[in-house]
C-alpha atoms as a PDB file:
ATOM      1  CA  MET A   1      -0.009   0.196   0.071  1.00  0.00           C
ATOM      2  CA  GLN A   2       1.498   3.398  -0.616  1.00  0.00           C
ATOM      3  CA  THR A   3       0.369   7.092  -0.685  1.00  0.00           C
ATOM      4  CA  THR A   4       0.474   9.350  -3.500  1.00  0.00           C
ATOM      5  CA  THR A   5       3.737  10.665  -2.428  1.00  0.00           C
ATOM      6  CA  SER A   6       5.316   7.225  -2.494  1.00  0.00           C
ATOM      7  CA  SER A   7       5.105   6.416   1.428  1.00  0.00           C
ATOM      8  CA  THR A   8       4.487   2.933   1.716  1.00  0.00           C
ATOM      9  CA  SER A   9       3.333   0.490   4.263  1.00  0.00           C
ATOM     10  CA  SER A  10       3.336  -2.998   5.021  1.00  0.00           C
ATOM     11  CA  GLY A  11       1.603  -5.652   7.657  1.00  0.00           C
ATOM     12  CA  VAL A  12      -1.832  -4.648   7.084  1.00  0.00           C
ATOM     13  CA  ASN A  13      -5.061  -5.932   7.549  1.00  0.00           C
ATOM     14  CA  LEU A  14      -7.245  -5.378   4.864  1.00  0.00           C
ATOM     15  CA  PHE A  15     -11.319  -5.616   5.903  1.00  0.00           C
ATOM     16  CA  GLY A  16     -14.201  -5.670   3.090  1.00  0.00           C
ATOM     17  CA  ASN A  17     -17.029  -5.156   5.319  1.00  0.00           C
ATOM     18  CA  SER A  18     -20.793  -5.103   4.972  1.00  0.00           C
ATOM     19  CA  GLU A  19     -23.163  -2.114   5.992  1.00  0.00           C
ATOM     20  CA  GLU A  20     -24.233  -4.999   9.097  1.00  0.00           C
ATOM     21  CA  PHE A  21     -20.652  -5.172  10.560  1.00  0.00           C
ATOM     22  CA  GLN A  22     -21.010  -2.073  12.263  1.00  0.00           C
ATOM     23  CA  ASN A  23     -23.962  -3.408  14.362  1.00  0.00           C
ATOM     24  CA  ILE A  24     -22.251  -6.213  15.808  1.00  0.00           C
ATOM     25  CA  GLN A  25     -18.181  -4.893  15.875  1.00  0.00           C
ATOM     26  CA  PRO A  26     -18.751  -1.061  16.339  1.00  0.00           C
ATOM     27  CA  VAL A  27     -15.709   1.152  15.171  1.00  0.00           C
ATOM     28  CA  ASP A  28     -15.090   4.230  16.739  1.00  0.00           C
ATOM     29  CA  ILE A  29     -14.165   6.994  14.249  1.00  0.00           C
ATOM     30  CA  ALA A  30     -11.768   9.633  15.427  1.00  0.00           C
ATOM     31  CA  TYR A  31     -11.448  11.858  12.331  1.00  0.00           C
ATOM     32  CA  GLY A  32     -13.897  11.746   9.131  1.00  0.00           C
ATOM     33  CA  ARG A  33     -16.550   9.443   9.045  1.00  0.00           C
ATOM     34  CA  PHE A  34     -18.062   5.838   8.358  1.00  0.00           C
ATOM     35  CA  ILE A  35     -18.633   4.097   5.086  1.00  0.00           C
ATOM     36  CA  THR A  36     -22.350   5.380   4.002  1.00  0.00           C
ATOM     37  CA  GLU A  37     -24.925   2.654   2.731  1.00  0.00           C
ATOM     38  CA  SER A  38     -24.742   4.230  -0.680  1.00  0.00           C
ATOM     39  CA  GLU A  39     -20.949   3.535  -0.993  1.00  0.00           C
ATOM     40  CA  PHE A  40     -21.740  -0.126   0.313  1.00  0.00           C
ATOM     41  CA  ASP A  41     -24.026  -0.708  -1.914  1.00  0.00           C
ATOM     42  CA  HIS A  42     -22.087   0.685  -5.206  1.00  0.00           C
ATOM     43  CA  GLY A  43     -19.207  -0.710  -3.909  1.00  0.00           C
ATOM     44  CA  SER A  44     -17.350   2.690  -3.868  1.00  0.00           C
ATOM     45  CA  ALA A  45     -13.329   3.340  -3.374  1.00  0.00           C
ATOM     46  CA  VAL A  46     -13.205   4.415  -0.264  1.00  0.00           C
ATOM     47  CA  ILE A  47     -11.680   3.156   2.810  1.00  0.00           C
ATOM     48  CA  ILE A  48     -11.224   3.743   6.633  1.00  0.00           C
ATOM     49  CA  ILE A  49      -7.732   2.976   7.944  1.00  0.00           C
ATOM     50  CA  GLY A  50      -6.404   2.736  11.461  1.00  0.00           C
ATOM     51  CA  ASN A  51      -4.648   4.584  13.421  1.00  0.00           C
ATOM     52  CA  GLU A  52      -0.971   3.267  13.191  1.00  0.00           C
ATOM     53  CA  VAL A  53      -1.632   3.369   9.465  1.00  0.00           C
ATOM     54  CA  ALA A  54      -2.580   6.933   9.320  1.00  0.00           C
ATOM     55  CA  GLU A  55       0.477   7.939  11.543  1.00  0.00           C
ATOM     56  CA  LYS A  56       3.119   5.911   9.622  1.00  0.00           C
ATOM     57  CA  LEU A  57       1.836   7.097   6.164  1.00  0.00           C
ATOM     58  CA  PHE A  58       0.811  10.631   7.069  1.00  0.00           C
ATOM     59  CA  LEU A  59       3.030  11.136  10.458  1.00  0.00           C
ATOM     60  CA  SER A  60      -0.399  12.928  12.003  1.00  0.00           C
ATOM     61  CA  PRO A  61      -3.743  10.948  11.512  1.00  0.00           C
ATOM     62  CA  GLU A  62      -6.157  14.022  11.055  1.00  0.00           C
ATOM     63  CA  VAL A  63      -4.636  15.179   8.084  1.00  0.00           C
ATOM     64  CA  ALA A  64      -5.233  11.929   6.457  1.00  0.00           C
ATOM     65  CA  ILE A  65      -8.707  12.700   5.083  1.00  0.00           C
ATOM     66  CA  GLY A  66      -9.437  13.030   1.789  1.00  0.00           C
ATOM     67  CA  LYS A  67      -5.696  12.150   0.844  1.00  0.00           C
ATOM     68  CA  LEU A  68      -5.848   9.091  -2.028  1.00  0.00           C
ATOM     69  CA  LEU A  69      -3.782   5.679  -1.396  1.00  0.00           C
ATOM     70  CA  GLN A  70      -3.118   3.073  -3.304  1.00  0.00           C
ATOM     71  CA  VAL A  71      -4.156  -0.543  -2.502  1.00  0.00           C
ATOM     72  CA  ARG A  72      -3.171  -3.241  -4.402  1.00  0.00           C
ATOM     73  CA  GLY A  73      -3.004  -0.846  -7.450  1.00  0.00           C
ATOM     74  CA  LYS A  74      -5.993   0.592  -6.809  1.00  0.00           C
ATOM     75  CA  LYS A  75      -6.274   4.150  -5.805  1.00  0.00           C
ATOM     76  CA  VAL A  76      -8.787   4.781  -3.001  1.00  0.00           C
ATOM     77  CA  GLN A  77      -9.578   7.725  -0.756  1.00  0.00           C
ATOM     78  CA  VAL A  78      -9.422   7.933   2.974  1.00  0.00           C
ATOM     79  CA  ILE A  79     -12.599   9.007   4.530  1.00  0.00           C
ATOM     80  CA  GLY A  80     -12.091   8.265   8.118  1.00  0.00           C
ATOM     81  CA  VAL A  81      -9.454   7.104  10.459  1.00  0.00           C
ATOM     82  CA  ILE A  82     -10.242   5.104  13.624  1.00  0.00           C
ATOM     83  CA  LYS A  83      -9.670   5.876  16.657  1.00  0.00           C
ATOM     84  CA  LYS A  84      -6.433   4.379  18.310  1.00  0.00           C
ATOM     85  CA  GLN A  85      -7.761   1.088  19.767  1.00  0.00           C
ATOM     86  CA  GLY A  86      -4.256   0.012  21.547  1.00  0.00           C
ATOM     87  CA  LYS A  87      -2.505  -3.183  21.325  1.00  0.00           C
ATOM     88  CA  SER A  88      -4.590  -6.364  22.458  1.00  0.00           C
ATOM     89  CA  MET A  89      -2.689  -9.367  24.190  1.00  0.00           C
ATOM     90  CA  ILE A  90      -5.074 -11.780  23.009  1.00  0.00           C
ATOM     91  CA  GLY A  91      -5.304 -10.917  19.468  1.00  0.00           C
ATOM     92  CA  GLY A  92      -8.443  -9.081  18.007  1.00  0.00           C
ATOM     93  CA  TRP A  93      -9.043  -7.375  15.101  1.00  0.00           C
ATOM     94  CA  GLN A  94      -6.252  -5.185  15.519  1.00  0.00           C
ATOM     95  CA  PHE A  95      -8.015  -1.893  14.367  1.00  0.00           C
ATOM     96  CA  ASP A  96      -5.033   0.168  14.723  1.00  0.00           C
ATOM     97  CA  GLN A  97      -3.312  -1.637  11.801  1.00  0.00           C
ATOM     98  CA  SER A  98      -6.171  -1.982   9.277  1.00  0.00           C
ATOM     99  CA  ILE A  99      -8.166  -0.717   6.647  1.00  0.00           C
ATOM    100  CA  ILE A 100     -11.770  -1.382   6.362  1.00  0.00           C
ATOM    101  CA  MET A 101     -13.244  -1.039   2.725  1.00  0.00           C
ATOM    102  CA  PRO A 102     -16.621  -1.907   1.497  1.00  0.00           C
ATOM    103  CA  TYR A 103     -16.777  -5.616   0.548  1.00  0.00           C
ATOM    104  CA  LYS A 104     -18.039  -5.199  -2.922  1.00  0.00           C
ATOM    105  CA  PHE A 105     -15.048  -3.006  -3.337  1.00  0.00           C
ATOM    106  CA  ALA A 106     -12.764  -5.244  -1.586  1.00  0.00           C
ATOM    107  CA  ARG A 107     -13.831  -8.136  -4.045  1.00  0.00           C
ATOM    108  CA  ASN A 108     -11.742  -6.053  -7.254  1.00  0.00           C
ATOM    109  CA  ILE A 109      -8.229  -6.337  -4.508  1.00  0.00           C
ATOM    110  CA  MET A 110      -8.722  -9.556  -2.580  1.00  0.00           C
ATOM    111  CA  TRP A 111      -8.494 -12.989  -4.128  1.00  0.00           C
ATOM    112  CA  SER A 112      -9.944 -16.293  -2.634  1.00  0.00           C
ATOM    113  CA  ARG A 113      -6.697 -17.865  -2.332  1.00  0.00           C
ATOM    114  CA  ASN A 114      -5.500 -14.915   0.081  1.00  0.00           C
ATOM    115  CA  SER A 115      -8.356 -14.157   1.582  1.00  0.00           C
ATOM    116  CA  SER A 116     -10.535 -15.502   4.746  1.00  0.00           C
ATOM    117  CA  PRO A 117     -14.544 -14.958   4.724  1.00  0.00           C
ATOM    118  CA  VAL A 118     -15.952 -14.407   8.005  1.00  0.00           C
ATOM    119  CA  ILE A 119     -19.632 -14.431   8.916  1.00  0.00           C
ATOM    120  CA  LEU A 120     -20.445 -12.661  11.893  1.00  0.00           C
ATOM    121  CA  VAL A 121     -23.836 -13.549  13.664  1.00  0.00           C
ATOM    122  CA  GLN A 122     -25.346 -11.691  16.392  1.00  0.00           C
ATOM    123  CA  GLY A 123     -28.074 -13.802  18.307  1.00  0.00           C
ATOM    124  CA  LYS A 124     -31.539 -11.917  20.230  1.00  0.00           C
ATOM    125  CA  ASP A 125     -30.977 -10.944  23.801  1.00  0.00           C
ATOM    126  CA  ASN A 126     -33.027 -13.909  24.732  1.00  0.00           C
ATOM    127  CA  LEU A 127     -30.944 -16.451  22.939  1.00  0.00           C
ATOM    128  CA  ARG A 128     -28.715 -18.621  24.594  1.00  0.00           C
ATOM    129  CA  SER A 129     -25.256 -19.131  22.667  1.00  0.00           C
ATOM    130  CA  VAL A 130     -25.197 -22.698  22.366  1.00  0.00           C
ATOM    131  CA  ALA A 131     -28.712 -22.829  20.630  1.00  0.00           C
ATOM    132  CA  LEU A 132     -27.277 -20.484  18.659  1.00  0.00           C
ATOM    133  CA  LYS A 133     -24.607 -22.099  17.368  1.00  0.00           C
ATOM    134  CA  ASP A 134     -26.737 -25.278  16.706  1.00  0.00           C
ATOM    135  CA  ASP A 135     -28.917 -23.614  14.807  1.00  0.00           C
ATOM    136  CA  LEU A 136     -26.075 -22.081  13.099  1.00  0.00           C
ATOM    137  CA  ARG A 137     -24.247 -25.448  12.313  1.00  0.00           C
ATOM    138  CA  GLY A 138     -27.553 -26.906  11.017  1.00  0.00           C
ATOM    139  CA  ALA A 139     -28.270 -23.950   8.440  1.00  0.00           C
ATOM    140  CA  MET A 140     -24.166 -24.079   7.327  1.00  0.00           C
ATOM    141  CA  ARG A 141     -24.452 -27.744   6.879  1.00  0.00           C
ATOM    142  CA  ALA A 142     -27.630 -27.252   4.753  1.00  0.00           C
ATOM    143  CA  ILE A 143     -25.539 -24.864   2.689  1.00  0.00           C
ATOM    144  CA  HIS A 144     -22.468 -27.006   2.024  1.00  0.00           C
ATOM    145  CA  LYS A 145     -24.784 -30.041   1.102  1.00  0.00           C
ATOM    146  CA  LEU A 146     -23.036 -32.141   4.210  1.00  0.00           C
ATOM    147  CA  SER A 147     -24.585 -35.594   4.589  1.00  0.00           C
ATOM    148  CA  PRO A 148     -25.403 -36.721   8.167  1.00  0.00           C
ATOM    149  CA  ARG A 149     -21.757 -38.567   8.128  1.00  0.00           C
ATOM    150  CA  GLU A 150     -19.745 -36.107   6.593  1.00  0.00           C
ATOM    151  CA  ASP A 151     -17.522 -33.660   8.904  1.00  0.00           C
ATOM    152  CA  ASP A 152     -18.095 -29.797   9.020  1.00  0.00           C
ATOM    153  CA  ASN A 153     -16.061 -28.149   6.605  1.00  0.00           C
ATOM    154  CA  PHE A 154     -16.027 -24.744   8.443  1.00  0.00           C
ATOM    155  CA  ALA A 155     -15.320 -23.628  11.822  1.00  0.00           C
ATOM    156  CA  LEU A 156     -18.105 -21.966  14.285  1.00  0.00           C
ATOM    157  CA  ASN A 157     -16.448 -19.555  16.888  1.00  0.00           C
ATOM    158  CA  ASP A 158     -17.962 -18.704  20.189  1.00  0.00           C
ATOM    159  CA  ILE A 159     -16.702 -15.451  21.962  1.00  0.00           C
ATOM    160  CA  ASN A 160     -18.055 -17.255  24.922  1.00  0.00           C
ATOM    161  CA  ASP A 161     -15.823 -20.351  24.060  1.00  0.00           C
ATOM    162  CA  PHE A 162     -12.518 -18.047  23.679  1.00  0.00           C
ATOM    163  CA  SER A 163     -13.416 -16.419  27.173  1.00  0.00           C
ATOM    164  CA  GLU A 164     -13.352 -19.730  28.774  1.00  0.00           C
ATOM    165  CA  ALA A 165     -10.319 -20.896  27.496  1.00  0.00           C
ATOM    166  CA  VAL A 166      -8.608 -17.525  28.554  1.00  0.00           C
ATOM    167  CA  SER A 167     -10.022 -18.074  32.130  1.00  0.00           C
ATOM    168  CA  LYS A 168      -8.412 -21.305  32.079  1.00  0.00           C
ATOM    169  CA  ILE A 169      -5.064 -20.608  31.389  1.00  0.00           C
ATOM    170  CA  PHE A 170      -5.659 -17.607  34.328  1.00  0.00           C
ATOM    171  CA  VAL A 171      -6.903 -20.518  36.799  1.00  0.00           C
ATOM    172  CA  PRO A 172      -2.932 -21.476  37.879  1.00  0.00           C
ATOM    173  CA  LEU A 173      -1.558 -17.740  37.766  1.00  0.00           C
ATOM    174  CA  ASN A 174      -4.862 -17.277  40.165  1.00  0.00           C
ATOM    175  CA  ILE A 175      -3.853 -20.289  42.619  1.00  0.00           C
ATOM    176  CA  GLY A 176      -0.022 -19.518  42.362  1.00  0.00           C
ATOM    177  CA  GLY A 177      -1.164 -15.869  43.355  1.00  0.00           C
ATOM    178  CA  TRP A 178      -3.606 -17.459  46.177  1.00  0.00           C
ATOM    179  CA  ILE A 179      -0.845 -19.339  47.447  1.00  0.00           C
ATOM    180  CA  ILE A 180       1.967 -16.372  47.524  1.00  0.00           C
ATOM    181  CA  ALA A 181      -0.829 -13.902  48.870  1.00  0.00           C
ATOM    182  CA  GLY A 182      -1.411 -16.672  51.747  1.00  0.00           C
ATOM    183  CA  ILE A 183       1.815 -17.247  52.865  1.00  0.00           C
ATOM    184  CA  SER A 184       2.761 -13.444  53.105  1.00  0.00           C
ATOM    185  CA  LEU A 185      -0.518 -13.213  55.486  1.00  0.00           C
ATOM    186  CA  ILE A 186       0.536 -15.341  57.540  1.00  0.00           C
ATOM    187  CA  VAL A 187       4.156 -13.705  57.615  1.00  0.00           C
ATOM    188  CA  GLY A 188       2.627 -10.715  57.958  1.00  0.00           C
ATOM    189  CA  MET A 189      -0.171 -11.758  60.520  1.00  0.00           C
ATOM    190  CA  PHE A 190       2.996 -13.161  62.881  1.00  0.00           C
ATOM    191  CA  GLY A 191       4.987  -9.710  62.327  1.00  0.00           C
ATOM    192  CA  VAL A 192       2.108  -7.675  63.663  1.00  0.00           C
ATOM    193  CA  ALA A 193       0.938  -9.795  66.763  1.00  0.00           C
ATOM    194  CA  ASN A 194       4.881  -9.604  67.894  1.00  0.00           C
ATOM    195  CA  ILE A 195       4.393  -5.913  67.347  1.00  0.00           C
ATOM    196  CA  MET A 196       1.386  -5.944  69.757  1.00  0.00           C
ATOM    197  CA  PHE A 197       3.042  -7.969  72.173  1.00  0.00           C
ATOM    198  CA  VAL A 198       5.810  -5.948  72.255  1.00  0.00           C
ATOM    199  CA  THR A 199       3.081  -2.781  72.529  1.00  0.00           C
ATOM    200  CA  VAL A 200       1.244  -4.833  75.744  1.00  0.00           C
ATOM    201  CA  ARG A 201       4.367  -5.166  77.462  1.00  0.00           C
ATOM    202  CA  GLU A 202       5.502  -1.243  76.918  1.00  0.00           C
ATOM    203  CA  ARG A 203       2.222   0.004  78.346  1.00  0.00           C
ATOM    204  CA  THR A 204       1.709  -2.864  80.827  1.00  0.00           C
ATOM    205  CA  ASN A 205       1.856   0.547  83.578  1.00  0.00           C
ATOM    206  CA  GLN A 206      -1.150   2.273  81.587  1.00  0.00           C
ATOM    207  CA  ILE A 207      -2.997  -0.742  81.249  1.00  0.00           C
ATOM    208  CA  GLY A 208      -3.104  -0.558  84.715  1.00  0.00           C
ATOM    209  CA  ILE A 209      -3.632   2.669  85.480  1.00  0.00           C
ATOM    210  CA  LYS A 210      -6.854   2.407  83.226  1.00  0.00           C
ATOM    211  CA  LYS A 211      -8.489  -0.448  84.818  1.00  0.00           C
ATOM    212  CA  ALA A 212      -7.886   0.951  88.240  1.00  0.00           C
ATOM    213  CA  ILE A 213      -9.842   4.024  87.316  1.00  0.00           C
ATOM    214  CA  GLY A 214     -12.578   1.401  85.925  1.00  0.00           C
ATOM    215  CA  ALA A 215     -11.638   0.760  82.204  1.00  0.00           C
ATOM    216  CA  LYS A 216     -13.748  -2.741  81.309  1.00  0.00           C
ATOM    217  CA  LYS A 217     -11.967  -5.485  79.825  1.00  0.00           C
ATOM    218  CA  ARG A 218     -13.772  -4.958  76.539  1.00  0.00           C
ATOM    219  CA  VAL A 219     -12.606  -1.411  76.093  1.00  0.00           C
ATOM    220  CA  ILE A 220      -8.945  -2.540  76.506  1.00  0.00           C
ATOM    221  CA  LEU A 221      -9.811  -5.587  74.390  1.00  0.00           C
ATOM    222  CA  ALA A 222     -11.265  -3.155  71.438  1.00  0.00           C
ATOM    223  CA  GLU A 223      -8.287  -0.977  71.985  1.00  0.00           C
ATOM    224  CA  PHE A 224      -5.662  -3.122  70.704  1.00  0.00           C
ATOM    225  CA  LEU A 225      -7.819  -4.998  68.385  1.00  0.00           C
ATOM    226  CA  LEU A 226      -8.427  -1.732  66.519  1.00  0.00           C
ATOM    227  CA  GLU A 227      -4.749  -0.679  66.664  1.00  0.00           C
ATOM    228  CA  SER A 228      -3.790  -4.074  65.315  1.00  0.00           C
ATOM    229  CA  ALA A 229      -6.453  -3.678  62.752  1.00  0.00           C
ATOM    230  CA  PHE A 230      -5.021  -0.167  61.996  1.00  0.00           C
ATOM    231  CA  LEU A 231      -1.620  -1.309  61.714  1.00  0.00           C
ATOM    232  CA  CYS A 232      -2.643  -4.158  58.924  1.00  0.00           C
ATOM    233  CA  ILE A 233      -4.817  -1.548  57.127  1.00  0.00           C
ATOM    234  CA  VAL A 234      -1.780   0.927  56.651  1.00  0.00           C
ATOM    235  CA  GLY A 235       0.062  -1.896  54.974  1.00  0.00           C
ATOM    236  CA  GLY A 236      -2.858  -2.628  52.971  1.00  0.00           C
ATOM    237  CA  LEU A 237      -3.024   0.671  52.199  1.00  0.00           C
ATOM    238  CA  MET A 238       0.906   0.836  50.762  1.00  0.00           C
ATOM    239  CA  GLY A 239       0.155  -2.606  48.537  1.00  0.00           C
ATOM    240  CA  LEU A 240      -2.598  -1.159  46.873  1.00  0.00           C
ATOM    241  CA  LEU A 241      -0.474   2.000  46.525  1.00  0.00           C
ATOM    242  CA  LEU A 242       2.080  -0.159  44.334  1.00  0.00           C
ATOM    243  CA  VAL A 243      -0.419  -2.235  42.429  1.00  0.00           C
ATOM    244  CA  PHE A 244      -1.665   1.332  41.614  1.00  0.00           C
ATOM    245  CA  ILE A 245       1.578   2.170  40.209  1.00  0.00           C
ATOM    246  CA  LEU A 246       2.290  -0.785  38.444  1.00  0.00           C
ATOM    247  CA  THR A 247      -1.131  -0.489  36.624  1.00  0.00           C
ATOM    248  CA  LYS A 248      -0.058   2.345  35.172  1.00  0.00           C
ATOM    249  CA  VAL A 249       3.390   1.166  34.292  1.00  0.00           C
ATOM    250  CA  LEU A 250       1.504  -1.930  32.807  1.00  0.00           C
ATOM    251  CA  THR A 251      -1.185   0.587  30.767  1.00  0.00           C
ATOM    252  CA  GLY A 252       1.468   2.623  29.224  1.00  0.00           C
ATOM    253  CA  VAL A 253       3.711  -0.313  28.001  1.00  0.00           C
ATOM    254  CA  PHE A 254       0.684  -2.394  26.911  1.00  0.00           C
ATOM    255  CA  HIS A 255      -1.175   0.445  25.949  1.00  0.00           C
ATOM    256  CA  PHE A 256      -4.053  -1.467  27.445  1.00  0.00           C
ATOM    257  CA  PRO A 257      -6.082  -0.511  30.404  1.00  0.00           C
ATOM    258  CA  VAL A 258      -5.027  -2.009  33.442  1.00  0.00           C
ATOM    259  CA  PHE A 259      -7.098  -1.019  36.767  1.00  0.00           C
ATOM    260  CA  ILE A 260      -7.693  -2.085  39.886  1.00  0.00           C
ATOM    261  CA  SER A 261     -11.556  -3.077  40.245  1.00  0.00           C
ATOM    262  CA  THR A 262     -14.112  -1.860  43.304  1.00  0.00           C
ATOM    263  CA  ALA A 263     -14.629  -5.387  44.098  1.00  0.00           C
ATOM    264  CA  ASN A 264     -10.769  -5.851  44.780  1.00  0.00           C
ATOM    265  CA  LEU A 265     -10.414  -3.073  46.754  1.00  0.00           C
ATOM    266  CA  VAL A 266     -13.007  -3.641  49.034  1.00  0.00           C
ATOM    267  CA  MET A 267     -11.847  -7.357  49.111  1.00  0.00           C
ATOM    268  CA  ALA A 268      -8.579  -5.958  50.050  1.00  0.00           C
ATOM    269  CA  PHE A 269      -9.617  -3.827  52.976  1.00  0.00           C
ATOM    270  CA  SER A 270     -11.412  -6.275  54.336  1.00  0.00           C
ATOM    271  CA  ILE A 271      -8.972  -8.732  54.946  1.00  0.00           C
ATOM    272  CA  SER A 272      -6.545  -6.226  56.263  1.00  0.00           C
ATOM    273  CA  PHE A 273      -9.061  -5.336  58.935  1.00  0.00           C
ATOM    274  CA  ILE A 274      -9.515  -9.682  59.617  1.00  0.00           C
ATOM    275  CA  VAL A 275      -5.970 -10.279  59.457  1.00  0.00           C
ATOM    276  CA  GLY A 276      -5.400  -7.262  61.898  1.00  0.00           C
ATOM    277  CA  VAL A 277      -8.034  -8.779  64.464  1.00  0.00           C
ATOM    278  CA  LEU A 278      -6.856 -12.433  64.358  1.00  0.00           C
ATOM    279  CA  ALA A 279      -3.034 -11.158  64.689  1.00  0.00           C
ATOM    280  CA  GLY A 280      -3.813  -8.895  67.766  1.00  0.00           C
ATOM    281  CA  ILE A 281      -6.918 -11.186  69.237  1.00  0.00           C
ATOM    282  CA  ILE A 282      -4.265 -12.957  71.608  1.00  0.00           C
ATOM    283  CA  PRO A 283      -2.131 -10.133  72.743  1.00  0.00           C
ATOM    284  CA  ALA A 284      -5.462  -8.130  73.326  1.00  0.00           C
ATOM    285  CA  SER A 285      -7.019 -10.520  75.801  1.00  0.00           C
ATOM    286  CA  GLN A 286      -3.624 -10.887  77.346  1.00  0.00           C
ATOM    287  CA  ALA A 287      -4.244  -7.051  78.213  1.00  0.00           C
ATOM    288  CA  ALA A 288      -7.587  -7.051  78.777  1.00  0.00           C
ATOM    289  CA  ARG A 289      -6.952  -9.884  81.579  1.00  0.00           C
ATOM    290  CA  MET A 290      -4.088  -8.242  83.365  1.00  0.00           C
ATOM    291  CA  ASP A 291      -4.967  -7.604  87.122  1.00  0.00           C
ATOM    292  CA  PRO A 292      -4.753  -3.761  87.669  1.00  0.00           C
ATOM    293  CA  VAL A 293      -2.255  -3.761  90.613  1.00  0.00           C
ATOM    294  CA  VAL A 294       0.199  -6.156  89.123  1.00  0.00           C
ATOM    295  CA  ALA A 295      -0.082  -4.292  86.244  1.00  0.00           C
ATOM    296  CA  ILE A 296       0.535  -0.677  87.931  1.00  0.00           C
ATOM    297  CA  ARG A 297       3.746  -2.396  89.861  1.00  0.00           C
ATOM    298  CA  SER A 298       5.513  -4.168  86.721  1.00  0.00           C
ATOM    299  CA  LYS A 299       7.434  -0.254  86.362  1.00  0.00           C
END
């Protein structure tokens, strides 16, 4: 593919789409416009190019509108530039490195031997994907005139199947992460417990004075439990801060949004609080059971 000024770009995906493509797989346009119904019907020589393609050929995507390109020997006019999508770690359409054109025009420059026809189907809201897939298989077998004994000579890809496959890949990683997190929590729990034992010993005289003037056991217990929980929550906040910085770094490296979900934030605070209570229960109970006279005489 080249421009009228002889700039060239290779490794570009060419998509010859119908007008219904936008309804199933929406394409966000940053500059210009999408292909009209009339241009689809007449097979007009117009294209929409990806952000990276526009940057390689014109340096600035916004100046690409109206320019002429030569795609496989055919001159075409750029009418739109796709909004930057970013690189996907799991494949996908890769619109940043693609060109979209009317399918009737695409037939003039793309041949069956080097093209892969794809039919996108979107079911109704109340139709299960399994039922839709069965109906499509029956329809495709009828179109291909396959007998019941013949195998399918086509492929049906369900986006749910892909999602399940990706989820299975991350299962071992999630298990390993939980194991590492569990070990870290246990080590941290013992560390906080040791800090609380030292705190109780250093405040033995103060505990005795409080109990002597009428402080109840539950008050002493709650005081040290809250302090222990506070220590763990502060540690959890520091960990979340580091993770937040990591998400920003990964977002910049992969050009893919990485963030901490609200559910994970709530879970992090909950676990920090529970670990703090468990770590401080023994030293707090020890402080609550102290005899005020013995505690006052400890110093």
